[in-house]
């Protein structure tokens, strides 16, 4: 399974849901009041988008590790008693959290924001690093993307433990992760509005 179709956590921030609309300076009857251009309000730097992506990744994996549930809220199935004992002895935990040595989580990395232009839809994503492989109990190695897919689809002997759902058909991030992203976007929009209005007087004659 290629990195491109790995069911990683994907967050889409649509351009204010008004694709193709271009704002112009609007002057109201209120004296000295000028609305900022829409593009100034919804402009996000790559640095900001990278920061949001990293925060979303950390929160997403933290939920997997400590709460052991899929983005749609389903709890992960328990380990078999035999494997739980082996995992406890080797890694110090027997939870069905897809976390043993920690290698797999390290191989899930933030990706660069994708956008054609500043006002296009922006795609924020994180997923398995290209070419990443993970050792198995048999002594061989397997593609990490394939390993996560086997868990997501409960391919025997793996149980149903999906890190994320498939983009477009299933829920891909937990509500807690979504809320962090939305909060950061709203805060940045507020800052953009303040910055855009700063040079102008906002005195309004009613």
N, C-alpha and C. Protein backbone atom coordinates (compact mmCIF):
# COMPACT_ATOMS: atom_id res chain seq x y z
N UNK A 1 0.86 -1.20 0.00
CA UNK A 1 0.00 0.00 0.00
C UNK A 1 0.88 1.23 0.00
N UNK A 2 0.68 2.11 -0.91
CA UNK A 2 1.54 3.28 -1.02
C UNK A 2 1.20 4.29 0.05
N UNK A 3 2.16 5.21 0.25
CA UNK A 3 1.94 6.26 1.24
C UNK A 3 0.76 7.15 0.85
N UNK A 4 0.52 7.28 -0.45
CA UNK A 4 -0.53 8.19 -0.91
C UNK A 4 -1.92 7.77 -0.49
N UNK A 5 -2.14 6.43 -0.37
CA UNK A 5 -3.48 6.02 0.02
C UNK A 5 -3.53 5.42 1.42
N UNK A 6 -2.48 5.69 2.21
CA UNK A 6 -2.52 5.27 3.61
C UNK A 6 -3.61 6.04 4.33
N UNK A 7 -4.44 5.32 5.09
CA UNK A 7 -5.55 6.00 5.77
C UNK A 7 -5.08 6.81 6.96
N UNK A 8 -4.28 7.79 6.69
CA UNK A 8 -3.75 8.60 7.78
C UNK A 8 -4.74 9.65 8.20
N UNK A 9 -4.39 10.30 9.35
CA UNK A 9 -5.28 11.37 9.81
C UNK A 9 -5.19 12.54 8.86
N UNK A 10 -6.28 12.88 8.31
CA UNK A 10 -6.30 13.98 7.36
C UNK A 10 -7.24 15.05 7.86
N UNK A 11 -6.75 16.20 7.82
CA UNK A 11 -7.60 17.32 8.20
C UNK A 11 -7.71 18.24 7.00
N UNK A 12 -8.94 18.59 6.53
CA UNK A 12 -9.13 19.52 5.42
C UNK A 12 -9.70 20.82 5.93
N UNK A 13 -9.01 21.93 5.58
CA UNK A 13 -9.48 23.26 5.97
C UNK A 13 -9.91 23.94 4.69
N UNK A 14 -11.21 24.02 4.44
CA UNK A 14 -11.68 24.60 3.19
C UNK A 14 -11.63 26.12 3.27
N UNK A 15 -11.37 26.72 2.13
CA UNK A 15 -11.20 28.16 2.07
C UNK A 15 -12.47 28.90 2.44
N UNK A 16 -12.84 28.82 3.69
CA UNK A 16 -14.00 29.50 4.24
C UNK A 16 -15.31 29.03 3.62
N UNK A 17 -15.26 27.93 2.85
CA UNK A 17 -16.47 27.39 2.26
C UNK A 17 -17.09 28.28 1.20
N UNK A 18 -16.28 29.14 0.59
CA UNK A 18 -16.84 30.08 -0.40
C UNK A 18 -16.02 30.03 -1.66
N UNK A 19 -15.57 28.85 -2.05
CA UNK A 19 -14.65 28.71 -3.17
C UNK A 19 -15.00 29.59 -4.36
N UNK A 20 -14.04 30.31 -4.85
CA UNK A 20 -14.21 31.12 -6.03
C UNK A 20 -14.71 32.53 -5.76
N UNK A 21 -15.18 32.82 -4.56
CA UNK A 21 -15.69 34.16 -4.25
C UNK A 21 -14.52 35.09 -3.95
N UNK A 22 -14.50 36.21 -4.54
CA UNK A 22 -13.44 37.19 -4.29
C UNK A 22 -14.05 38.43 -3.65
N UNK A 23 -13.53 38.83 -2.52
CA UNK A 23 -14.07 40.01 -1.84
C UNK A 23 -13.42 41.27 -2.37
N UNK A 24 -14.09 42.37 -2.18
CA UNK A 24 -13.53 43.68 -2.51
C UNK A 24 -13.67 44.56 -1.28
N UNK A 25 -12.98 45.67 -1.28
CA UNK A 25 -13.12 46.60 -0.17
C UNK A 25 -14.56 47.10 -0.10
N UNK A 26 -15.15 47.02 1.06
CA UNK A 26 -16.54 47.45 1.23
C UNK A 26 -16.57 48.62 2.20
N UNK A 27 -17.16 49.70 1.77
CA UNK A 27 -17.27 50.87 2.63
C UNK A 27 -18.72 51.02 3.05
N UNK A 28 -18.98 51.05 4.34
CA UNK A 28 -20.33 51.24 4.82
C UNK A 28 -20.62 52.72 5.00
N UNK A 29 -21.80 53.00 5.46
CA UNK A 29 -22.16 54.40 5.68
C UNK A 29 -21.49 54.94 6.94
N UNK A 30 -21.03 54.02 7.79
CA UNK A 30 -20.35 54.47 9.01
C UNK A 30 -19.06 55.18 8.64
N UNK A 31 -18.82 56.30 9.25
CA UNK A 31 -17.68 57.13 8.91
C UNK A 31 -16.38 56.46 9.36
N UNK A 32 -15.42 56.36 8.44
CA UNK A 32 -14.09 55.86 8.77
C UNK A 32 -14.00 54.37 8.99
N UNK A 33 -14.98 53.58 8.57
CA UNK A 33 -14.95 52.14 8.80
C UNK A 33 -14.71 51.40 7.49
N UNK A 34 -13.77 50.48 7.49
CA UNK A 34 -13.43 49.74 6.28
C UNK A 34 -13.26 48.27 6.62
N UNK A 35 -13.98 47.41 5.92
CA UNK A 35 -13.84 45.98 6.15
C UNK A 35 -12.58 45.47 5.45
N UNK A 36 -11.83 44.56 6.10
CA UNK A 36 -10.63 44.02 5.46
C UNK A 36 -11.00 43.08 4.31
N UNK A 37 -10.09 42.91 3.39
CA UNK A 37 -10.31 41.97 2.30
C UNK A 37 -10.43 40.55 2.87
N UNK A 38 -11.28 39.77 2.25
CA UNK A 38 -11.49 38.40 2.73
C UNK A 38 -10.22 37.59 2.70
N UNK A 39 -9.39 37.79 1.65
CA UNK A 39 -8.16 37.01 1.55
C UNK A 39 -7.20 37.30 2.70
N UNK A 40 -7.28 38.48 3.29
CA UNK A 40 -6.44 38.79 4.43
C UNK A 40 -6.90 38.04 5.68
N UNK A 41 -8.17 37.76 5.75
CA UNK A 41 -8.74 37.08 6.92
C UNK A 41 -8.43 35.59 6.93
N UNK A 42 -8.44 34.98 5.75
CA UNK A 42 -8.28 33.52 5.69
C UNK A 42 -6.90 33.12 5.19
N UNK A 43 -5.93 34.01 5.29
CA UNK A 43 -4.57 33.69 4.87
C UNK A 43 -3.83 32.98 6.01
N UNK A 44 -3.27 31.80 5.71
CA UNK A 44 -2.53 31.03 6.70
C UNK A 44 -1.13 30.74 6.16
N UNK A 45 -0.13 31.07 6.95
CA UNK A 45 1.25 30.82 6.53
C UNK A 45 1.56 29.33 6.61
N UNK A 46 2.56 28.91 5.87
CA UNK A 46 2.98 27.50 5.93
C UNK A 46 3.47 27.15 7.33
N UNK A 47 4.13 28.10 7.99
CA UNK A 47 4.59 27.84 9.35
C UNK A 47 3.44 27.52 10.29
N UNK A 48 2.37 28.30 10.19
CA UNK A 48 1.19 28.06 11.01
C UNK A 48 0.55 26.71 10.67
N UNK A 49 0.40 26.41 9.39
CA UNK A 49 -0.22 25.15 8.98
C UNK A 49 0.62 23.95 9.41
N UNK A 50 1.95 24.08 9.33
CA UNK A 50 2.82 23.00 9.81
C UNK A 50 2.65 22.78 11.30
N UNK A 51 2.53 23.88 12.05
CA UNK A 51 2.34 23.79 13.50
C UNK A 51 1.03 23.07 13.84
N UNK A 52 -0.04 23.41 13.13
CA UNK A 52 -1.33 22.77 13.37
C UNK A 52 -1.25 21.28 13.06
N UNK A 53 -0.57 20.93 11.98
CA UNK A 53 -0.42 19.53 11.59
C UNK A 53 0.31 18.73 12.66
N UNK A 54 1.39 19.30 13.19
CA UNK A 54 2.16 18.61 14.21
C UNK A 54 1.35 18.41 15.49
N UNK A 55 0.58 19.42 15.87
CA UNK A 55 -0.26 19.32 17.07
C UNK A 55 -1.34 18.27 16.87
N UNK A 56 -1.92 18.23 15.68
CA UNK A 56 -2.97 17.24 15.39
C UNK A 56 -2.39 15.83 15.45
N UNK A 57 -1.21 15.64 14.88
CA UNK A 57 -0.57 14.32 14.91
C UNK A 57 -0.30 13.86 16.34
N UNK A 58 0.26 14.74 17.15
CA UNK A 58 0.56 14.39 18.54
C UNK A 58 -0.69 13.99 19.31
N UNK A 59 -1.76 14.78 19.14
CA UNK A 59 -3.01 14.49 19.85
C UNK A 59 -3.62 13.19 19.36
N UNK A 60 -3.60 12.97 18.06
CA UNK A 60 -4.17 11.76 17.48
C UNK A 60 -3.49 10.51 18.04
N UNK A 61 -2.16 10.49 18.01
CA UNK A 61 -1.42 9.32 18.48
C UNK A 61 -1.52 9.15 19.99
N UNK A 62 -1.66 10.27 20.71
CA UNK A 62 -1.84 10.19 22.16
C UNK A 62 -3.15 9.49 22.50
N UNK A 63 -4.20 9.76 21.74
CA UNK A 63 -5.49 9.10 21.96
C UNK A 63 -5.38 7.61 21.67
N UNK A 64 -4.68 7.27 20.59
CA UNK A 64 -4.50 5.86 20.24
C UNK A 64 -3.76 5.13 21.37
N UNK A 65 -2.71 5.76 21.88
CA UNK A 65 -1.86 5.12 22.88
C UNK A 65 -2.55 4.98 24.23
N UNK A 66 -3.26 6.01 24.67
CA UNK A 66 -3.80 6.02 26.03
C UNK A 66 -5.29 5.68 26.13
N UNK A 67 -6.06 5.97 25.09
CA UNK A 67 -7.50 5.68 25.16
C UNK A 67 -7.89 4.48 24.31
N UNK A 68 -7.00 4.10 23.39
CA UNK A 68 -7.16 2.87 22.62
C UNK A 68 -8.51 2.76 21.93
N UNK A 69 -8.82 3.78 21.15
CA UNK A 69 -10.08 3.75 20.40
C UNK A 69 -9.90 4.41 19.04
N UNK A 70 -10.72 3.99 18.10
CA UNK A 70 -10.66 4.50 16.74
C UNK A 70 -11.31 5.89 16.68
N UNK A 71 -11.12 6.62 15.60
CA UNK A 71 -11.73 7.95 15.48
C UNK A 71 -13.25 7.95 15.63
N UNK A 72 -13.89 6.83 15.28
CA UNK A 72 -15.36 6.79 15.42
C UNK A 72 -15.79 6.33 16.81
N UNK A 73 -14.84 6.17 17.73
CA UNK A 73 -15.17 5.90 19.12
C UNK A 73 -15.15 4.44 19.55
N UNK A 74 -14.86 3.54 18.64
CA UNK A 74 -14.87 2.12 19.00
C UNK A 74 -13.58 1.72 19.72
N UNK A 75 -13.74 0.99 20.81
CA UNK A 75 -12.59 0.53 21.58
C UNK A 75 -11.84 -0.57 20.84
N UNK A 76 -10.52 -0.57 20.96
CA UNK A 76 -9.72 -1.61 20.33
C UNK A 76 -9.94 -2.94 21.04
N UNK A 77 -9.91 -4.00 20.26
CA UNK A 77 -10.06 -5.34 20.84
C UNK A 77 -8.83 -5.69 21.67
N UNK A 78 -9.06 -6.45 22.73
CA UNK A 78 -7.97 -6.82 23.63
C UNK A 78 -6.98 -7.77 22.96
N UNK A 79 -5.76 -7.77 23.48
CA UNK A 79 -4.75 -8.71 23.00
C UNK A 79 -5.07 -10.10 23.53
N UNK A 80 -4.57 -11.10 22.85
CA UNK A 80 -4.72 -12.46 23.38
C UNK A 80 -3.90 -12.55 24.66
N UNK A 81 -4.30 -13.38 25.61
CA UNK A 81 -3.53 -13.50 26.86
C UNK A 81 -2.06 -13.81 26.63
N UNK A 82 -1.77 -14.64 25.63
CA UNK A 82 -0.38 -15.01 25.36
C UNK A 82 0.43 -13.80 24.90
N UNK A 83 -0.12 -13.05 23.92
CA UNK A 83 0.63 -11.90 23.40
C UNK A 83 0.68 -10.78 24.43
N UNK A 84 -0.38 -10.63 25.22
CA UNK A 84 -0.39 -9.59 26.26
C UNK A 84 0.75 -9.83 27.25
N UNK A 85 0.97 -11.11 27.62
CA UNK A 85 2.04 -11.46 28.55
C UNK A 85 3.41 -11.19 27.92
N UNK A 86 3.55 -11.55 26.64
CA UNK A 86 4.81 -11.32 25.93
C UNK A 86 5.12 -9.83 25.82
N UNK A 87 4.10 -9.05 25.50
CA UNK A 87 4.28 -7.62 25.34
C UNK A 87 4.62 -6.96 26.68
N UNK A 88 3.97 -7.38 27.73
CA UNK A 88 4.25 -6.85 29.06
C UNK A 88 5.69 -7.12 29.46
N UNK A 89 6.15 -8.31 29.18
CA UNK A 89 7.51 -8.70 29.55
C UNK A 89 8.56 -7.94 28.74
N UNK A 90 8.28 -7.74 27.44
CA UNK A 90 9.28 -7.14 26.56
C UNK A 90 9.22 -5.62 26.54
N UNK A 91 8.00 -5.05 26.62
CA UNK A 91 7.85 -3.61 26.43
C UNK A 91 7.26 -2.87 27.63
N UNK A 92 6.83 -3.62 28.65
CA UNK A 92 6.33 -2.97 29.85
C UNK A 92 4.89 -2.54 29.81
N UNK A 93 4.14 -2.96 28.78
CA UNK A 93 2.71 -2.69 28.78
C UNK A 93 1.98 -3.78 27.99
N UNK A 94 0.75 -4.04 28.37
CA UNK A 94 -0.03 -5.10 27.71
C UNK A 94 -1.31 -4.53 27.09
N UNK A 95 -1.29 -3.24 26.82
CA UNK A 95 -2.47 -2.59 26.25
C UNK A 95 -2.56 -2.83 24.73
N UNK A 96 -3.77 -2.90 24.20
CA UNK A 96 -3.96 -3.06 22.75
C UNK A 96 -3.89 -1.70 22.04
N UNK A 97 -2.77 -1.00 22.20
CA UNK A 97 -2.68 0.39 21.75
C UNK A 97 -1.73 0.60 20.57
N UNK A 98 -1.33 -0.48 19.91
CA UNK A 98 -0.44 -0.40 18.75
C UNK A 98 0.90 0.24 19.10
N UNK A 99 1.22 0.28 20.39
CA UNK A 99 2.47 0.89 20.83
C UNK A 99 3.28 -0.14 21.61
N UNK A 100 4.42 -0.54 21.04
CA UNK A 100 5.31 -1.46 21.72
C UNK A 100 6.68 -0.79 21.85
N UNK A 101 7.50 -0.88 20.82
CA UNK A 101 8.80 -0.21 20.85
C UNK A 101 8.66 1.29 20.57
N UNK A 102 7.54 1.68 19.96
CA UNK A 102 7.33 3.07 19.61
C UNK A 102 7.77 3.40 18.19
N UNK A 103 8.35 2.42 17.49
CA UNK A 103 8.85 2.67 16.14
C UNK A 103 7.75 3.08 15.18
N UNK A 104 6.63 2.39 15.24
CA UNK A 104 5.55 2.67 14.28
C UNK A 104 5.05 4.11 14.42
N UNK A 105 4.91 4.58 15.65
CA UNK A 105 4.45 5.95 15.86
C UNK A 105 5.48 6.95 15.31
N UNK A 106 6.77 6.65 15.48
CA UNK A 106 7.81 7.54 14.98
C UNK A 106 7.78 7.61 13.46
N UNK A 107 7.32 6.55 12.83
CA UNK A 107 7.28 6.50 11.37
C UNK A 107 6.08 7.23 10.78
N UNK A 108 5.16 7.67 11.63
CA UNK A 108 4.03 8.48 11.19
C UNK A 108 4.44 9.94 11.35
N UNK A 109 4.62 10.61 10.24
CA UNK A 109 5.22 11.95 10.28
C UNK A 109 4.28 13.00 9.65
N UNK A 110 4.44 14.27 10.04
CA UNK A 110 3.65 15.34 9.41
C UNK A 110 4.07 15.52 7.95
N UNK A 111 3.13 15.85 7.10
CA UNK A 111 3.41 16.13 5.70
C UNK A 111 3.27 17.63 5.44
N UNK A 112 3.87 18.10 4.36
CA UNK A 112 3.76 19.52 4.02
C UNK A 112 2.33 19.84 3.59
N UNK A 113 1.83 21.01 3.96
CA UNK A 113 0.49 21.41 3.50
C UNK A 113 0.42 21.42 1.98
N UNK A 114 -0.70 20.98 1.46
CA UNK A 114 -0.88 20.97 0.01
C UNK A 114 -1.92 22.02 -0.39
N UNK A 115 -1.52 22.88 -1.29
CA UNK A 115 -2.45 23.86 -1.83
C UNK A 115 -1.88 24.42 -3.13
N UNK A 116 -2.78 24.68 -4.07
CA UNK A 116 -2.35 25.19 -5.37
C UNK A 116 -2.05 26.69 -5.27
N UNK A 117 -2.95 27.40 -4.59
CA UNK A 117 -2.79 28.83 -4.35
C UNK A 117 -3.20 29.10 -2.92
N UNK A 118 -2.90 30.35 -2.45
CA UNK A 118 -3.20 30.66 -1.04
C UNK A 118 -4.68 30.52 -0.73
N UNK A 119 -5.57 30.74 -1.71
CA UNK A 119 -7.00 30.72 -1.42
C UNK A 119 -7.67 29.43 -1.87
N UNK A 120 -6.88 28.42 -2.19
CA UNK A 120 -7.45 27.13 -2.56
C UNK A 120 -7.71 26.31 -1.31
N UNK A 121 -8.40 25.17 -1.48
CA UNK A 121 -8.54 24.26 -0.36
C UNK A 121 -7.16 23.84 0.12
N UNK A 122 -7.02 23.72 1.43
CA UNK A 122 -5.74 23.34 2.01
C UNK A 122 -5.87 21.96 2.64
N UNK A 123 -4.93 21.09 2.36
CA UNK A 123 -4.95 19.75 2.93
C UNK A 123 -3.81 19.60 3.92
N UNK A 124 -4.16 19.32 5.16
CA UNK A 124 -3.17 19.06 6.20
C UNK A 124 -3.18 17.57 6.48
N UNK A 125 -2.01 16.96 6.51
CA UNK A 125 -1.99 15.51 6.67
C UNK A 125 -0.73 15.02 7.38
N UNK A 126 -0.84 13.82 7.92
CA UNK A 126 0.32 13.12 8.46
C UNK A 126 0.11 11.65 8.13
N UNK A 127 1.20 10.96 7.88
CA UNK A 127 1.08 9.56 7.48
C UNK A 127 2.42 8.86 7.56
N UNK A 128 2.43 7.61 7.15
CA UNK A 128 3.64 6.81 7.25
C UNK A 128 4.71 7.33 6.29
N UNK A 129 5.90 7.43 6.79
CA UNK A 129 7.03 7.88 5.98
C UNK A 129 7.24 6.92 4.81
N UNK A 130 7.55 7.49 3.65
CA UNK A 130 7.78 6.68 2.45
C UNK A 130 8.84 5.60 2.71
N UNK A 131 8.50 4.37 2.36
CA UNK A 131 9.45 3.27 2.48
C UNK A 131 9.63 2.71 3.88
N UNK A 132 8.89 3.20 4.85
CA UNK A 132 9.04 2.74 6.24
C UNK A 132 8.65 1.27 6.36
N UNK A 133 9.44 0.54 7.13
CA UNK A 133 9.16 -0.88 7.35
C UNK A 133 9.22 -1.16 8.85
N UNK A 134 8.54 -2.25 9.25
CA UNK A 134 8.43 -2.58 10.67
C UNK A 134 8.69 -4.07 10.87
N UNK A 135 9.50 -4.43 11.88
CA UNK A 135 9.78 -5.84 12.14
C UNK A 135 8.55 -6.57 12.68
N UNK A 136 8.47 -7.86 12.39
CA UNK A 136 7.39 -8.70 12.90
C UNK A 136 7.97 -9.77 13.82
N UNK A 137 7.07 -10.41 14.56
CA UNK A 137 7.52 -11.45 15.49
C UNK A 137 8.21 -12.61 14.79
N UNK A 138 7.90 -12.77 13.49
CA UNK A 138 8.51 -13.87 12.74
C UNK A 138 9.96 -13.61 12.40
N UNK A 139 10.43 -12.40 12.64
CA UNK A 139 11.81 -12.07 12.36
C UNK A 139 12.01 -11.34 11.06
N UNK A 140 10.96 -11.27 10.23
CA UNK A 140 11.07 -10.53 8.97
C UNK A 140 10.52 -9.12 9.15
N UNK A 141 10.39 -8.40 8.07
CA UNK A 141 9.87 -7.04 8.12
C UNK A 141 8.69 -6.89 7.16
N UNK A 142 7.86 -5.91 7.44
CA UNK A 142 6.68 -5.64 6.62
C UNK A 142 6.55 -4.13 6.43
N UNK A 143 5.96 -3.71 5.35
CA UNK A 143 5.68 -2.29 5.15
C UNK A 143 4.83 -1.79 6.30
N UNK A 144 5.23 -0.68 6.91
CA UNK A 144 4.47 -0.14 8.03
C UNK A 144 3.06 0.28 7.60
N UNK A 145 2.94 0.82 6.40
CA UNK A 145 1.62 1.19 5.89
C UNK A 145 0.73 -0.04 5.76
N UNK A 146 1.30 -1.15 5.28
CA UNK A 146 0.52 -2.39 5.16
C UNK A 146 0.13 -2.91 6.54
N UNK A 147 1.05 -2.81 7.50
CA UNK A 147 0.77 -3.29 8.85
C UNK A 147 -0.41 -2.54 9.45
N UNK A 148 -0.44 -1.23 9.28
CA UNK A 148 -1.55 -0.45 9.81
C UNK A 148 -2.85 -0.77 9.08
N UNK A 149 -2.76 -1.06 7.79
CA UNK A 149 -3.95 -1.46 7.04
C UNK A 149 -4.48 -2.79 7.53
N UNK A 150 -3.60 -3.72 7.85
CA UNK A 150 -4.04 -5.02 8.37
C UNK A 150 -4.80 -4.85 9.69
N UNK A 151 -4.34 -3.93 10.52
CA UNK A 151 -5.05 -3.66 11.77
C UNK A 151 -6.39 -2.97 11.50
N UNK A 152 -6.39 -2.04 10.57
CA UNK A 152 -7.62 -1.31 10.27
C UNK A 152 -8.70 -2.22 9.68
N UNK A 153 -8.26 -3.22 8.91
CA UNK A 153 -9.21 -4.12 8.26
C UNK A 153 -9.32 -5.47 8.96
N UNK A 154 -8.67 -5.60 10.11
CA UNK A 154 -8.73 -6.83 10.91
C UNK A 154 -8.33 -8.05 10.09
N UNK A 155 -7.24 -7.95 9.33
CA UNK A 155 -6.74 -9.08 8.57
C UNK A 155 -6.08 -10.06 9.54
N UNK A 156 -6.55 -11.31 9.63
CA UNK A 156 -6.00 -12.28 10.59
C UNK A 156 -4.49 -12.41 10.45
N UNK A 157 -3.78 -12.53 11.57
CA UNK A 157 -4.27 -12.67 12.94
C UNK A 157 -4.52 -11.32 13.65
N UNK A 158 -4.46 -10.22 12.92
CA UNK A 158 -4.67 -8.90 13.52
C UNK A 158 -6.13 -8.68 13.86
N UNK A 159 -6.35 -7.92 14.93
CA UNK A 159 -7.70 -7.55 15.33
C UNK A 159 -8.01 -6.13 14.89
N UNK A 160 -9.26 -5.73 15.04
CA UNK A 160 -9.70 -4.41 14.59
C UNK A 160 -9.13 -3.33 15.51
N UNK A 161 -8.09 -2.67 15.03
CA UNK A 161 -7.47 -1.57 15.78
C UNK A 161 -6.99 -0.51 14.79
N UNK A 162 -7.92 0.23 14.20
CA UNK A 162 -7.53 1.24 13.20
C UNK A 162 -7.05 2.54 13.81
N UNK A 163 -5.93 3.03 13.34
CA UNK A 163 -5.48 4.35 13.77
C UNK A 163 -6.37 5.42 13.15
N UNK A 164 -6.81 5.18 11.92
CA UNK A 164 -7.65 6.14 11.23
C UNK A 164 -8.55 5.44 10.24
N UNK A 165 -9.63 6.11 9.83
CA UNK A 165 -10.50 5.57 8.80
C UNK A 165 -10.04 6.00 7.43
N UNK A 166 -10.67 5.47 6.42
CA UNK A 166 -10.32 5.82 5.05
C UNK A 166 -10.89 7.19 4.69
N UNK A 167 -10.07 7.98 4.06
CA UNK A 167 -10.48 9.33 3.68
C UNK A 167 -11.65 9.27 2.71
N UNK A 168 -12.69 10.04 2.99
CA UNK A 168 -13.84 10.12 2.11
C UNK A 168 -14.96 9.16 2.45
N UNK A 169 -14.65 8.12 3.21
CA UNK A 169 -15.68 7.14 3.53
C UNK A 169 -15.85 6.91 5.02
N UNK A 170 -14.84 7.23 5.81
CA UNK A 170 -14.89 6.98 7.25
C UNK A 170 -14.32 8.18 8.00
N UNK A 171 -14.60 8.21 9.29
CA UNK A 171 -14.07 9.27 10.13
C UNK A 171 -12.57 9.07 10.28
N UNK A 172 -11.79 10.12 10.03
CA UNK A 172 -10.34 9.96 10.01
C UNK A 172 -9.63 10.48 11.25
N UNK A 173 -10.25 11.39 11.99
CA UNK A 173 -9.63 11.88 13.23
C UNK A 173 -10.67 11.90 14.35
N UNK A 174 -10.17 11.84 15.58
CA UNK A 174 -11.05 11.89 16.74
C UNK A 174 -11.59 13.31 16.94
N UNK A 175 -12.70 13.41 17.64
CA UNK A 175 -13.29 14.73 17.90
C UNK A 175 -12.33 15.64 18.64
N UNK A 176 -11.56 15.06 19.57
CA UNK A 176 -10.62 15.88 20.34
C UNK A 176 -9.55 16.51 19.43
N UNK A 177 -9.10 15.74 18.46
CA UNK A 177 -8.11 16.26 17.51
C UNK A 177 -8.73 17.34 16.63
N UNK A 178 -9.94 17.08 16.16
CA UNK A 178 -10.66 18.07 15.36
C UNK A 178 -10.81 19.38 16.11
N UNK A 179 -11.15 19.30 17.39
CA UNK A 179 -11.39 20.51 18.18
C UNK A 179 -10.12 21.35 18.31
N UNK A 180 -8.97 20.68 18.44
CA UNK A 180 -7.71 21.41 18.53
C UNK A 180 -7.43 22.17 17.24
N UNK A 181 -7.67 21.51 16.11
CA UNK A 181 -7.44 22.14 14.81
C UNK A 181 -8.37 23.34 14.62
N UNK A 182 -9.65 23.15 14.93
CA UNK A 182 -10.64 24.22 14.76
C UNK A 182 -10.28 25.41 15.66
N UNK A 183 -9.89 25.14 16.89
CA UNK A 183 -9.52 26.22 17.82
C UNK A 183 -8.36 27.03 17.28
N UNK A 184 -7.34 26.36 16.77
CA UNK A 184 -6.18 27.07 16.24
C UNK A 184 -6.55 27.90 15.00
N UNK A 185 -7.40 27.34 14.14
CA UNK A 185 -7.81 28.07 12.94
C UNK A 185 -8.62 29.32 13.31
N UNK A 186 -9.54 29.18 14.26
CA UNK A 186 -10.35 30.33 14.69
C UNK A 186 -9.47 31.40 15.32
N UNK A 187 -8.54 30.98 16.17
CA UNK A 187 -7.64 31.96 16.79
C UNK A 187 -6.81 32.71 15.76
N UNK A 188 -6.34 31.98 14.74
CA UNK A 188 -5.54 32.63 13.70
C UNK A 188 -6.38 33.59 12.86
N UNK A 189 -7.63 33.20 12.59
CA UNK A 189 -8.53 34.11 11.85
C UNK A 189 -8.76 35.39 12.65
N UNK A 190 -8.96 35.27 13.96
CA UNK A 190 -9.14 36.45 14.80
C UNK A 190 -7.91 37.36 14.75
N UNK A 191 -6.73 36.75 14.78
CA UNK A 191 -5.49 37.54 14.69
C UNK A 191 -5.40 38.22 13.33
N UNK A 192 -5.80 37.51 12.28
CA UNK A 192 -5.75 38.09 10.94
C UNK A 192 -6.68 39.30 10.83
N UNK A 193 -7.86 39.19 11.44
CA UNK A 193 -8.82 40.30 11.41
C UNK A 193 -8.25 41.51 12.15
N UNK A 194 -7.68 41.27 13.33
CA UNK A 194 -7.09 42.36 14.10
C UNK A 194 -5.97 43.03 13.32
N UNK A 195 -5.15 42.20 12.67
CA UNK A 195 -4.02 42.75 11.90
C UNK A 195 -4.51 43.55 10.69
N UNK A 196 -5.55 43.03 10.04
CA UNK A 196 -6.08 43.71 8.85
C UNK A 196 -6.75 45.03 9.20
N UNK A 197 -7.33 45.14 10.38
CA UNK A 197 -8.03 46.35 10.78
C UNK A 197 -7.12 47.39 11.44
N UNK A 198 -5.96 46.97 11.83
CA UNK A 198 -5.08 47.83 12.63
C UNK A 198 -4.82 49.22 12.03
N UNK A 199 -4.60 49.34 10.73
CA UNK A 199 -4.29 50.68 10.19
C UNK A 199 -5.49 51.61 10.12
N UNK A 200 -6.70 51.10 10.35
CA UNK A 200 -7.89 51.91 10.12
C UNK A 200 -8.61 52.26 11.43
N UNK A 201 -9.37 53.34 11.38
CA UNK A 201 -10.24 53.72 12.50
C UNK A 201 -11.50 52.90 12.45
N UNK A 202 -11.97 52.44 13.60
CA UNK A 202 -13.20 51.66 13.63
C UNK A 202 -14.32 52.43 14.31
N UNK A 203 -14.20 53.76 14.37
CA UNK A 203 -15.25 54.57 14.95
C UNK A 203 -16.49 54.53 14.06
N UNK A 204 -17.64 54.23 14.63
CA UNK A 204 -18.86 54.10 13.87
C UNK A 204 -19.90 55.09 14.40
N UNK A 205 -20.47 55.90 13.51
CA UNK A 205 -21.53 56.82 13.89
C UNK A 205 -22.88 56.15 13.67
N UNK A 206 -23.61 55.90 14.72
CA UNK A 206 -24.91 55.24 14.60
C UNK A 206 -26.02 56.27 14.44
